[in-house]
Amino acid sequence: MTGMSGLTASGQEGRRQITNAGLFFKRWLANPLQMGSVIPSSPSLCNRIASLVTRAPDEVVLELGAGTGVVSRALLAAGVPAERLVVVEIVPEMAEHLRQVLPGVTVICGDAFELRRDLPERLHGKVGTAICGIPLVLLPQAQQQRFVNAVEAVAPGKGFLLYTYCITSPLPYGKLGLSARREAWTPLNFPPASVWRYQPVR
């Protein structure tokens, strides 16, 4: 009986991974600038991101560009309570997918560049860690600055974590008024990825 249950769980996990990859690839084809990769992030990368999260008991973790939710699930597995995780996803189809696979998590179909508008006001100033999965490196500097300003509007002084396939900083942080530190390097991800922490320079 135990073996059958394990087999069923394994099969369900396999089907979920196939669904995630298919949905992710479909959205990547529709808009590569929103997705940045043709496949979801690996467990190795997701676990490294989750290990870098900090928050006070009354703060939330804010994930921007959640995709199919692989990072979200790693955050939950690492101990972030579902009611303290807020994900923002601009694509309605993917936002609906996230609502189905992340029970208890606040899913907002909104714009990460318009957080002052789209994030509930009660959460302004209550963000412990913001995580970005948007390929900011592909955007012009004016758009990068707009993103930085959006995060600062709801998480003043906190900055954000950005996971990327760039070994060097994907952002011109000095020009954006930020400090930068590479917190993690995950060669087991495909392609290999880094996690950068950016914070406003006071």
N, C-alpha and C. Protein backbone atom coordinates (compact mmCIF):
# COMPACT_ATOMS: atom_id res chain seq x y z
N MET A 1 0.83 -1.20 0.00
CA MET A 1 0.00 0.00 0.00
C MET A 1 0.86 1.25 0.00
N THR A 2 1.91 1.23 0.85
CA THR A 2 2.83 2.36 0.90
C THR A 2 3.50 2.57 -0.45
N GLY A 3 3.91 1.45 -1.07
CA GLY A 3 4.56 1.56 -2.36
C GLY A 3 3.64 2.17 -3.40
N MET A 4 2.36 1.77 -3.37
CA MET A 4 1.40 2.31 -4.33
C MET A 4 1.19 3.80 -4.10
N SER A 5 1.14 4.23 -2.81
CA SER A 5 0.96 5.65 -2.50
C SER A 5 2.15 6.44 -2.99
N GLY A 6 3.36 5.88 -2.78
CA GLY A 6 4.56 6.56 -3.24
C GLY A 6 4.57 6.70 -4.74
N LEU A 7 4.12 5.64 -5.43
CA LEU A 7 4.08 5.66 -6.88
C LEU A 7 3.10 6.72 -7.36
N THR A 8 1.94 6.80 -6.68
CA THR A 8 0.94 7.80 -7.05
C THR A 8 1.47 9.20 -6.85
N ALA A 9 2.12 9.43 -5.71
CA ALA A 9 2.68 10.76 -5.43
C ALA A 9 3.75 11.11 -6.45
N SER A 10 4.59 10.11 -6.78
CA SER A 10 5.63 10.34 -7.77
C SER A 10 5.04 10.68 -9.13
N GLY A 11 3.97 9.95 -9.49
CA GLY A 11 3.31 10.22 -10.77
C GLY A 11 2.70 11.60 -10.81
N GLN A 12 2.08 12.01 -9.69
CA GLN A 12 1.48 13.34 -9.63
C GLN A 12 2.54 14.42 -9.75
N GLU A 13 3.68 14.21 -9.09
CA GLU A 13 4.77 15.18 -9.18
C GLU A 13 5.30 15.27 -10.60
N GLY A 14 5.44 14.12 -11.25
CA GLY A 14 5.90 14.13 -12.64
C GLY A 14 4.95 14.87 -13.56
N ARG A 15 3.63 14.62 -13.36
CA ARG A 15 2.65 15.33 -14.20
C ARG A 15 2.68 16.83 -13.93
N ARG A 16 2.89 17.22 -12.67
CA ARG A 16 2.94 18.65 -12.34
C ARG A 16 4.15 19.30 -13.01
N GLN A 17 5.30 18.61 -13.01
CA GLN A 17 6.49 19.16 -13.64
C GLN A 17 6.28 19.33 -15.14
N ILE A 18 5.61 18.35 -15.77
CA ILE A 18 5.33 18.45 -17.19
C ILE A 18 4.39 19.62 -17.47
N THR A 19 3.36 19.77 -16.64
CA THR A 19 2.42 20.88 -16.79
C THR A 19 3.13 22.22 -16.62
N ASN A 20 3.98 22.31 -15.60
CA ASN A 20 4.73 23.54 -15.35
C ASN A 20 5.59 23.91 -16.55
N ALA A 21 6.34 22.93 -17.05
CA ALA A 21 7.23 23.20 -18.17
C ALA A 21 6.45 23.59 -19.42
N GLY A 22 5.31 22.90 -19.67
CA GLY A 22 4.52 23.23 -20.84
C GLY A 22 3.93 24.62 -20.76
N LEU A 23 3.38 24.98 -19.61
CA LEU A 23 2.81 26.31 -19.44
C LEU A 23 3.89 27.37 -19.52
N PHE A 24 5.03 27.10 -18.90
CA PHE A 24 6.14 28.05 -18.91
C PHE A 24 6.62 28.30 -20.34
N PHE A 25 6.80 27.23 -21.12
CA PHE A 25 7.28 27.36 -22.48
C PHE A 25 6.28 28.10 -23.35
N LYS A 26 5.00 27.84 -23.12
CA LYS A 26 3.96 28.53 -23.88
C LYS A 26 4.02 30.03 -23.64
N ARG A 27 4.17 30.44 -22.38
CA ARG A 27 4.23 31.86 -22.07
C ARG A 27 5.54 32.47 -22.56
N TRP A 28 6.63 31.69 -22.53
CA TRP A 28 7.90 32.21 -23.05
C TRP A 28 7.78 32.51 -24.54
N LEU A 29 7.13 31.62 -25.28
CA LEU A 29 6.94 31.86 -26.71
C LEU A 29 6.12 33.13 -26.95
N ALA A 30 5.12 33.36 -26.09
CA ALA A 30 4.25 34.52 -26.25
C ALA A 30 4.97 35.82 -25.93
N ASN A 31 5.88 35.80 -24.94
CA ASN A 31 6.57 37.03 -24.55
C ASN A 31 7.87 36.69 -23.82
N PRO A 32 8.99 36.51 -24.54
CA PRO A 32 10.27 36.17 -23.90
C PRO A 32 10.74 37.21 -22.90
N LEU A 33 10.38 38.48 -23.08
CA LEU A 33 10.85 39.52 -22.15
C LEU A 33 10.19 39.40 -20.78
N GLN A 34 9.04 38.76 -20.72
CA GLN A 34 8.39 38.55 -19.43
C GLN A 34 8.95 37.33 -18.72
N MET A 35 9.39 36.32 -19.47
CA MET A 35 9.76 35.05 -18.88
C MET A 35 11.27 34.89 -18.71
N GLY A 36 12.04 35.22 -19.74
CA GLY A 36 13.48 35.17 -19.62
C GLY A 36 14.11 33.80 -19.83
N SER A 37 13.35 32.72 -19.68
CA SER A 37 13.87 31.36 -19.83
C SER A 37 12.79 30.48 -20.43
N VAL A 38 13.22 29.40 -21.09
CA VAL A 38 12.25 28.49 -21.69
C VAL A 38 11.79 27.41 -20.71
N ILE A 39 12.45 27.30 -19.55
CA ILE A 39 12.09 26.28 -18.56
C ILE A 39 12.07 26.91 -17.17
N PRO A 40 11.27 26.34 -16.24
CA PRO A 40 11.25 26.86 -14.87
C PRO A 40 12.59 26.66 -14.17
N SER A 41 12.82 27.42 -13.10
CA SER A 41 14.06 27.31 -12.34
C SER A 41 14.16 25.94 -11.67
N SER A 42 15.40 25.48 -11.49
CA SER A 42 15.64 24.17 -10.89
C SER A 42 15.43 24.20 -9.39
N PRO A 43 15.22 23.01 -8.77
CA PRO A 43 15.12 22.96 -7.31
C PRO A 43 16.34 23.55 -6.62
N SER A 44 17.53 23.34 -7.19
CA SER A 44 18.75 23.88 -6.59
C SER A 44 18.69 25.39 -6.47
N LEU A 45 18.29 26.05 -7.55
CA LEU A 45 18.19 27.51 -7.54
C LEU A 45 17.08 27.96 -6.60
N CYS A 46 15.93 27.31 -6.68
CA CYS A 46 14.79 27.70 -5.83
C CYS A 46 15.14 27.60 -4.35
N ASN A 47 15.84 26.55 -3.96
CA ASN A 47 16.22 26.37 -2.56
C ASN A 47 17.22 27.43 -2.11
N ARG A 48 18.13 27.82 -2.99
CA ARG A 48 19.09 28.87 -2.64
C ARG A 48 18.38 30.19 -2.45
N ILE A 49 17.42 30.49 -3.31
CA ILE A 49 16.64 31.72 -3.16
C ILE A 49 15.91 31.72 -1.83
N ALA A 50 15.25 30.61 -1.52
CA ALA A 50 14.49 30.52 -0.28
C ALA A 50 15.38 30.70 0.95
N SER A 51 16.61 30.23 0.87
CA SER A 51 17.52 30.33 2.02
C SER A 51 17.96 31.76 2.29
N LEU A 52 17.78 32.66 1.33
CA LEU A 52 18.22 34.04 1.47
C LEU A 52 17.12 34.98 1.97
N VAL A 53 15.93 34.43 2.15
CA VAL A 53 14.78 35.25 2.54
C VAL A 53 14.80 35.55 4.03
N THR A 54 14.51 36.80 4.37
CA THR A 54 14.34 37.19 5.76
C THR A 54 13.05 38.01 5.87
N ARG A 55 12.41 37.92 7.01
CA ARG A 55 11.22 38.73 7.26
C ARG A 55 10.91 38.72 8.75
N ALA A 56 10.32 39.81 9.21
CA ALA A 56 9.82 39.88 10.58
C ALA A 56 8.47 39.16 10.63
N PRO A 57 7.99 38.80 11.82
CA PRO A 57 6.73 38.06 11.91
C PRO A 57 5.54 38.76 11.24
N ASP A 58 5.55 40.08 11.23
CA ASP A 58 4.43 40.81 10.63
C ASP A 58 4.68 41.21 9.18
N GLU A 59 5.77 40.70 8.59
CA GLU A 59 6.10 41.05 7.21
C GLU A 59 5.78 39.90 6.26
N VAL A 60 5.69 40.23 4.98
CA VAL A 60 5.43 39.24 3.94
C VAL A 60 6.65 39.09 3.04
N VAL A 61 6.70 37.98 2.34
CA VAL A 61 7.66 37.80 1.25
C VAL A 61 6.91 38.10 -0.04
N LEU A 62 7.49 38.94 -0.86
CA LEU A 62 6.86 39.38 -2.10
C LEU A 62 7.63 38.81 -3.29
N GLU A 63 6.95 37.97 -4.08
CA GLU A 63 7.59 37.39 -5.26
C GLU A 63 7.01 38.04 -6.51
N LEU A 64 7.89 38.57 -7.35
CA LEU A 64 7.49 39.32 -8.53
C LEU A 64 7.85 38.54 -9.78
N GLY A 65 6.85 38.20 -10.58
CA GLY A 65 7.08 37.36 -11.75
C GLY A 65 7.18 35.91 -11.33
N ALA A 66 6.12 35.38 -10.73
CA ALA A 66 6.18 34.06 -10.10
C ALA A 66 6.12 32.90 -11.09
N GLY A 67 5.75 33.16 -12.34
CA GLY A 67 5.72 32.09 -13.33
C GLY A 67 4.79 30.96 -12.94
N THR A 68 5.30 29.74 -12.93
CA THR A 68 4.48 28.57 -12.59
C THR A 68 4.49 28.25 -11.10
N GLY A 69 5.27 29.01 -10.32
CA GLY A 69 5.25 28.84 -8.87
C GLY A 69 6.31 27.94 -8.30
N VAL A 70 7.36 27.63 -9.04
CA VAL A 70 8.39 26.73 -8.50
C VAL A 70 9.15 27.39 -7.35
N VAL A 71 9.45 28.68 -7.47
CA VAL A 71 10.11 29.38 -6.37
C VAL A 71 9.14 29.53 -5.20
N SER A 72 7.89 29.80 -5.51
CA SER A 72 6.87 29.94 -4.46
C SER A 72 6.81 28.68 -3.61
N ARG A 73 6.81 27.53 -4.24
CA ARG A 73 6.72 26.26 -3.49
C ARG A 73 7.96 26.05 -2.63
N ALA A 74 9.13 26.48 -3.13
CA ALA A 74 10.35 26.36 -2.33
C ALA A 74 10.28 27.28 -1.11
N LEU A 75 9.70 28.46 -1.28
CA LEU A 75 9.54 29.37 -0.15
C LEU A 75 8.62 28.77 0.91
N LEU A 76 7.53 28.16 0.48
CA LEU A 76 6.61 27.52 1.41
C LEU A 76 7.28 26.35 2.12
N ALA A 77 8.03 25.56 1.37
CA ALA A 77 8.72 24.40 1.95
C ALA A 77 9.78 24.83 2.95
N ALA A 78 10.34 26.04 2.74
CA ALA A 78 11.38 26.55 3.64
C ALA A 78 10.80 27.20 4.89
N GLY A 79 9.47 27.27 4.97
CA GLY A 79 8.85 27.75 6.19
C GLY A 79 8.12 29.07 6.11
N VAL A 80 8.05 29.67 4.93
CA VAL A 80 7.25 30.89 4.79
C VAL A 80 5.78 30.49 4.85
N PRO A 81 5.01 31.00 5.81
CA PRO A 81 3.58 30.65 5.88
C PRO A 81 2.85 31.12 4.63
N ALA A 82 1.90 30.33 4.17
CA ALA A 82 1.17 30.68 2.94
C ALA A 82 0.55 32.06 3.05
N GLU A 83 0.04 32.40 4.24
CA GLU A 83 -0.61 33.70 4.40
C GLU A 83 0.38 34.85 4.43
N ARG A 84 1.69 34.53 4.46
CA ARG A 84 2.72 35.56 4.44
C ARG A 84 3.49 35.59 3.12
N LEU A 85 2.96 34.92 2.13
CA LEU A 85 3.56 34.94 0.80
C LEU A 85 2.61 35.63 -0.16
N VAL A 86 3.12 36.65 -0.86
CA VAL A 86 2.35 37.40 -1.85
C VAL A 86 3.08 37.31 -3.18
N VAL A 87 2.39 36.84 -4.21
CA VAL A 87 3.02 36.75 -5.52
C VAL A 87 2.29 37.65 -6.50
N VAL A 88 3.06 38.30 -7.35
CA VAL A 88 2.52 39.19 -8.38
C VAL A 88 2.87 38.60 -9.74
N GLU A 89 1.89 38.37 -10.55
CA GLU A 89 2.08 37.79 -11.89
C GLU A 89 1.21 38.56 -12.87
N ILE A 90 1.81 39.07 -13.92
CA ILE A 90 1.10 39.94 -14.86
C ILE A 90 0.25 39.17 -15.86
N VAL A 91 0.58 37.91 -16.12
CA VAL A 91 -0.14 37.12 -17.12
C VAL A 91 -1.36 36.47 -16.47
N PRO A 92 -2.58 36.81 -16.89
CA PRO A 92 -3.78 36.28 -16.23
C PRO A 92 -3.82 34.76 -16.17
N GLU A 93 -3.45 34.09 -17.24
CA GLU A 93 -3.48 32.62 -17.27
C GLU A 93 -2.57 32.03 -16.20
N MET A 94 -1.40 32.63 -16.03
CA MET A 94 -0.46 32.10 -15.05
C MET A 94 -0.89 32.48 -13.64
N ALA A 95 -1.50 33.66 -13.47
CA ALA A 95 -2.01 34.04 -12.16
C ALA A 95 -3.09 33.06 -11.71
N GLU A 96 -3.96 32.67 -12.62
CA GLU A 96 -5.00 31.70 -12.29
C GLU A 96 -4.40 30.34 -11.95
N HIS A 97 -3.37 29.94 -12.69
CA HIS A 97 -2.66 28.69 -12.38
C HIS A 97 -2.09 28.75 -10.96
N LEU A 98 -1.50 29.88 -10.60
CA LEU A 98 -0.90 30.02 -9.27
C LEU A 98 -1.96 29.94 -8.18
N ARG A 99 -3.12 30.51 -8.41
CA ARG A 99 -4.19 30.43 -7.41
C ARG A 99 -4.60 28.98 -7.17
N GLN A 100 -4.53 28.16 -8.20
CA GLN A 100 -4.92 26.76 -8.08
C GLN A 100 -3.87 25.92 -7.37
N VAL A 101 -2.60 26.21 -7.61
CA VAL A 101 -1.53 25.36 -7.07
C VAL A 101 -0.93 25.89 -5.77
N LEU A 102 -1.29 27.12 -5.37
CA LEU A 102 -0.74 27.71 -4.15
C LEU A 102 -1.87 28.12 -3.20
N PRO A 103 -2.59 27.16 -2.64
CA PRO A 103 -3.70 27.50 -1.74
C PRO A 103 -3.21 28.29 -0.53
N GLY A 104 -3.96 29.35 -0.21
CA GLY A 104 -3.62 30.17 0.94
C GLY A 104 -2.69 31.32 0.64
N VAL A 105 -2.04 31.28 -0.52
CA VAL A 105 -1.12 32.35 -0.92
C VAL A 105 -1.91 33.47 -1.59
N THR A 106 -1.53 34.71 -1.32
CA THR A 106 -2.16 35.85 -1.99
C THR A 106 -1.55 36.00 -3.38
N VAL A 107 -2.36 35.79 -4.40
CA VAL A 107 -1.91 35.92 -5.79
C VAL A 107 -2.55 37.16 -6.40
N ILE A 108 -1.72 38.07 -6.88
CA ILE A 108 -2.20 39.31 -7.47
C ILE A 108 -1.86 39.30 -8.96
N CYS A 109 -2.88 39.42 -9.79
CA CYS A 109 -2.63 39.58 -11.22
C CYS A 109 -2.39 41.07 -11.43
N GLY A 110 -1.13 41.44 -11.46
CA GLY A 110 -0.79 42.86 -11.53
C GLY A 110 0.58 43.06 -12.12
N ASP A 111 1.03 44.32 -12.06
CA ASP A 111 2.25 44.75 -12.72
C ASP A 111 3.33 45.03 -11.67
N ALA A 112 4.44 44.33 -11.76
CA ALA A 112 5.54 44.53 -10.81
C ALA A 112 6.15 45.92 -10.92
N PHE A 113 5.87 46.61 -12.00
CA PHE A 113 6.38 47.97 -12.18
C PHE A 113 5.39 49.01 -11.65
N GLU A 114 4.26 48.54 -11.13
CA GLU A 114 3.23 49.43 -10.58
C GLU A 114 2.80 48.94 -9.20
N LEU A 115 3.77 48.65 -8.35
CA LEU A 115 3.46 48.07 -7.04
C LEU A 115 2.72 49.04 -6.13
N ARG A 116 3.01 50.30 -6.22
CA ARG A 116 2.28 51.26 -5.39
C ARG A 116 0.78 51.17 -5.67
N ARG A 117 0.43 50.91 -6.92
CA ARG A 117 -0.98 50.80 -7.32
C ARG A 117 -1.54 49.41 -7.07
N ASP A 118 -0.78 48.36 -7.41
CA ASP A 118 -1.34 47.01 -7.45
C ASP A 118 -1.20 46.22 -6.15
N LEU A 119 -0.24 46.59 -5.31
CA LEU A 119 -0.09 45.90 -4.03
C LEU A 119 -1.01 46.57 -3.01
N PRO A 120 -1.81 45.79 -2.27
CA PRO A 120 -2.71 46.40 -1.28
C PRO A 120 -1.95 47.32 -0.33
N GLU A 121 -2.56 48.45 -0.02
CA GLU A 121 -1.90 49.48 0.79
C GLU A 121 -1.49 48.94 2.16
N ARG A 122 -2.25 47.98 2.69
CA ARG A 122 -1.92 47.44 4.01
C ARG A 122 -0.57 46.73 4.01
N LEU A 123 -0.06 46.38 2.83
CA LEU A 123 1.22 45.69 2.73
C LEU A 123 2.38 46.64 2.45
N HIS A 124 2.09 47.89 2.18
CA HIS A 124 3.16 48.87 1.94
C HIS A 124 3.97 49.04 3.23
N GLY A 125 5.27 48.86 3.13
CA GLY A 125 6.13 48.93 4.30
C GLY A 125 6.16 47.66 5.12
N LYS A 126 5.49 46.61 4.65
CA LYS A 126 5.44 45.34 5.36
C LYS A 126 6.07 44.20 4.56
N VAL A 127 6.98 44.54 3.66
CA VAL A 127 7.66 43.54 2.83
C VAL A 127 9.03 43.25 3.44
N GLY A 128 9.24 42.01 3.85
CA GLY A 128 10.53 41.62 4.40
C GLY A 128 11.56 41.41 3.32
N THR A 129 11.21 40.61 2.32
CA THR A 129 12.08 40.35 1.18
C THR A 129 11.25 40.37 -0.09
N ALA A 130 11.74 41.07 -1.09
CA ALA A 130 11.14 41.05 -2.43
C ALA A 130 12.06 40.22 -3.33
N ILE A 131 11.47 39.34 -4.12
CA ILE A 131 12.21 38.44 -5.01
C ILE A 131 11.75 38.70 -6.43
N CYS A 132 12.70 38.88 -7.32
CA CYS A 132 12.36 39.19 -8.71
C CYS A 132 12.82 38.09 -9.65
N GLY A 133 11.87 37.58 -10.44
CA GLY A 133 12.19 36.59 -11.47
C GLY A 133 12.05 37.16 -12.87
N ILE A 134 11.92 38.49 -12.96
CA ILE A 134 11.75 39.16 -14.26
C ILE A 134 13.13 39.40 -14.86
N PRO A 135 13.34 39.15 -16.16
CA PRO A 135 14.65 39.35 -16.77
C PRO A 135 14.96 40.83 -16.97
N LEU A 136 15.28 41.52 -15.89
CA LEU A 136 15.52 42.96 -15.94
C LEU A 136 16.70 43.33 -16.83
N VAL A 137 17.65 42.39 -16.99
CA VAL A 137 18.83 42.67 -17.80
C VAL A 137 18.47 42.98 -19.25
N LEU A 138 17.32 42.50 -19.70
CA LEU A 138 16.90 42.71 -21.09
C LEU A 138 16.21 44.05 -21.30
N LEU A 139 15.96 44.78 -20.22
CA LEU A 139 15.20 46.01 -20.32
C LEU A 139 16.12 47.24 -20.37
N PRO A 140 15.67 48.33 -20.99
CA PRO A 140 16.46 49.57 -20.98
C PRO A 140 16.57 50.11 -19.56
N GLN A 141 17.58 50.94 -19.35
CA GLN A 141 17.85 51.43 -18.00
C GLN A 141 16.66 52.18 -17.41
N ALA A 142 15.93 52.89 -18.23
CA ALA A 142 14.77 53.63 -17.72
C ALA A 142 13.74 52.69 -17.12
N GLN A 143 13.54 51.53 -17.75
CA GLN A 143 12.61 50.55 -17.21
C GLN A 143 13.16 49.88 -15.95
N GLN A 144 14.46 49.64 -15.93
CA GLN A 144 15.08 49.10 -14.73
C GLN A 144 14.89 50.05 -13.55
N GLN A 145 15.07 51.35 -13.80
CA GLN A 145 14.88 52.34 -12.75
C GLN A 145 13.44 52.37 -12.28
N ARG A 146 12.53 52.20 -13.22
CA ARG A 146 11.12 52.16 -12.87
C ARG A 146 10.82 51.00 -11.93
N PHE A 147 11.45 49.85 -12.18
CA PHE A 147 11.26 48.70 -11.31
C PHE A 147 11.83 48.98 -9.92
N VAL A 148 13.04 49.52 -9.88
CA VAL A 148 13.68 49.86 -8.60
C VAL A 148 12.79 50.79 -7.80
N ASN A 149 12.24 51.79 -8.46
CA ASN A 149 11.37 52.75 -7.79
C ASN A 149 10.08 52.09 -7.28
N ALA A 150 9.57 51.13 -8.07
CA ALA A 150 8.33 50.43 -7.67
C ALA A 150 8.55 49.64 -6.39
N VAL A 151 9.68 48.94 -6.31
CA VAL A 151 9.97 48.17 -5.09
C VAL A 151 10.19 49.11 -3.91
N GLU A 152 10.92 50.18 -4.14
CA GLU A 152 11.20 51.13 -3.06
C GLU A 152 9.92 51.75 -2.52
N ALA A 153 8.92 51.90 -3.37
CA ALA A 153 7.66 52.52 -2.95
C ALA A 153 6.92 51.68 -1.92
N VAL A 154 7.09 50.34 -1.98
CA VAL A 154 6.35 49.47 -1.06
C VAL A 154 7.26 48.78 -0.04
N ALA A 155 8.57 48.79 -0.29
CA ALA A 155 9.53 48.17 0.63
C ALA A 155 10.71 49.12 0.80
N PRO A 156 10.49 50.28 1.40
CA PRO A 156 11.55 51.30 1.48
C PRO A 156 12.79 50.79 2.19
N GLY A 157 13.93 50.94 1.49
CA GLY A 157 15.21 50.56 2.05
C GLY A 157 15.55 49.09 1.98
N LYS A 158 14.61 48.25 1.57
CA LYS A 158 14.83 46.80 1.60
C LYS A 158 15.55 46.27 0.36
N GLY A 159 15.31 46.88 -0.79
CA GLY A 159 15.89 46.34 -2.02
C GLY A 159 15.20 45.05 -2.43
N PHE A 160 15.93 44.20 -3.15
CA PHE A 160 15.32 42.97 -3.66
C PHE A 160 16.38 41.95 -4.04
N LEU A 161 15.95 40.69 -4.11
CA LEU A 161 16.77 39.61 -4.66
C LEU A 161 16.39 39.42 -6.12
N LEU A 162 17.39 39.24 -6.97
CA LEU A 162 17.16 39.01 -8.39
C LEU A 162 17.91 37.76 -8.82
N TYR A 163 17.18 36.78 -9.34
CA TYR A 163 17.88 35.61 -9.87
C TYR A 163 18.01 35.73 -11.38
N THR A 164 19.18 35.35 -11.87
CA THR A 164 19.57 35.69 -13.23
C THR A 164 20.58 34.68 -13.76
N TYR A 165 20.74 34.64 -15.06
CA TYR A 165 21.75 33.77 -15.67
C TYR A 165 23.05 34.50 -15.94
N CYS A 166 23.16 35.74 -15.47
CA CYS A 166 24.38 36.52 -15.63
C CYS A 166 25.34 36.24 -14.47
N ILE A 167 26.60 36.03 -14.78
CA ILE A 167 27.61 35.84 -13.73
C ILE A 167 27.96 37.18 -13.10
N THR A 168 28.15 38.20 -13.95
CA THR A 168 28.36 39.55 -13.45
C THR A 168 27.00 40.20 -13.21
N SER A 169 26.99 41.33 -12.53
CA SER A 169 25.73 41.98 -12.20
C SER A 169 24.92 42.29 -13.46
N PRO A 170 23.67 41.85 -13.51
CA PRO A 170 22.83 42.13 -14.68
C PRO A 170 22.31 43.56 -14.71
N LEU A 171 22.49 44.28 -13.61
CA LEU A 171 22.02 45.66 -13.53
C LEU A 171 23.18 46.62 -13.35
N PRO A 172 23.12 47.81 -13.97
CA PRO A 172 24.13 48.85 -13.72
C PRO A 172 23.82 49.52 -12.39
N TYR A 173 24.11 48.81 -11.31
CA TYR A 173 23.58 49.17 -9.99
C TYR A 173 23.97 50.57 -9.54
N GLY A 174 25.21 51.00 -9.86
CA GLY A 174 25.62 52.34 -9.48
C GLY A 174 24.74 53.41 -10.09
N LYS A 175 24.40 53.23 -11.35
CA LYS A 175 23.55 54.20 -12.05
C LYS A 175 22.11 54.16 -11.54
N LEU A 176 21.73 53.05 -10.92
CA LEU A 176 20.37 52.91 -10.39
C LEU A 176 20.29 53.26 -8.91
N GLY A 177 21.40 53.71 -8.33
CA GLY A 177 21.41 54.07 -6.92
C GLY A 177 21.37 52.88 -5.99
N LEU A 178 21.98 51.77 -6.42
CA LEU A 178 21.94 50.53 -5.64
C LEU A 178 23.33 50.03 -5.31
N SER A 179 23.43 49.26 -4.23
CA SER A 179 24.60 48.43 -3.98
C SER A 179 24.25 47.03 -4.47
N ALA A 180 25.28 46.23 -4.75
CA ALA A 180 25.04 44.89 -5.30
C ALA A 180 25.96 43.87 -4.65
N ARG A 181 25.42 42.67 -4.39
CA ARG A 181 26.23 41.57 -3.88
C ARG A 181 25.67 40.27 -4.43
N ARG A 182 26.55 39.46 -5.02
CA ARG A 182 26.10 38.15 -5.47
C ARG A 182 26.05 37.22 -4.27
N GLU A 183 24.87 36.73 -3.96
CA GLU A 183 24.65 35.91 -2.78
C GLU A 183 24.78 34.42 -3.04
N ALA A 184 24.55 34.01 -4.29
CA ALA A 184 24.56 32.58 -4.58
C ALA A 184 24.90 32.33 -6.04
N TRP A 185 25.50 31.17 -6.27
CA TRP A 185 25.82 30.71 -7.62
C TRP A 185 25.42 29.25 -7.70
N THR A 186 24.56 28.89 -8.65
CA THR A 186 24.03 27.53 -8.72
C THR A 186 24.38 26.90 -10.06
N PRO A 187 25.54 26.28 -10.16
CA PRO A 187 25.94 25.64 -11.42
C PRO A 187 25.05 24.47 -11.82
N LEU A 188 24.27 23.91 -10.85
CA LEU A 188 23.40 22.79 -11.18
C LEU A 188 22.13 23.23 -11.88
N ASN A 189 21.84 24.53 -11.85
CA ASN A 189 20.68 25.02 -12.60
C ASN A 189 21.02 25.00 -14.09
N PHE A 190 20.00 24.87 -14.94
CA PHE A 190 20.24 24.93 -16.38
C PHE A 190 19.41 26.07 -16.98
N PRO A 191 20.10 27.12 -17.51
CA PRO A 191 21.55 27.31 -17.42
C PRO A 191 21.95 27.73 -16.01
N PRO A 192 23.27 27.69 -15.69
CA PRO A 192 23.73 28.10 -14.37
C PRO A 192 23.21 29.50 -14.03
N ALA A 193 22.90 29.70 -12.76
CA ALA A 193 22.26 30.96 -12.37
C ALA A 193 22.90 31.54 -11.12
N SER A 194 22.72 32.85 -10.95
CA SER A 194 23.19 33.56 -9.78
C SER A 194 22.00 34.24 -9.10
N VAL A 195 22.16 34.52 -7.82
CA VAL A 195 21.18 35.31 -7.08
C VAL A 195 21.91 36.55 -6.57
N TRP A 196 21.42 37.71 -6.97
CA TRP A 196 22.02 38.99 -6.58
C TRP A 196 21.09 39.71 -5.61
N ARG A 197 21.70 40.36 -4.61
CA ARG A 197 20.94 41.20 -3.68
C ARG A 197 21.28 42.66 -3.98
N TYR A 198 20.24 43.43 -4.27
CA TYR A 198 20.40 44.86 -4.53
C TYR A 198 19.70 45.65 -3.44
N GLN A 199 20.38 46.68 -2.95
CA GLN A 199 19.78 47.52 -1.92
C GLN A 199 20.05 48.99 -2.24
N PRO A 200 19.12 49.86 -1.88
CA PRO A 200 19.33 51.28 -2.13
C PRO A 200 20.52 51.82 -1.36
N VAL A 201 21.28 52.69 -1.97
CA VAL A 201 22.40 53.35 -1.32
C VAL A 201 21.87 54.60 -0.66
N ARG A 202 22.02 54.68 0.65
CA ARG A 202 21.51 55.84 1.40
C ARG A 202 22.57 56.92 1.51
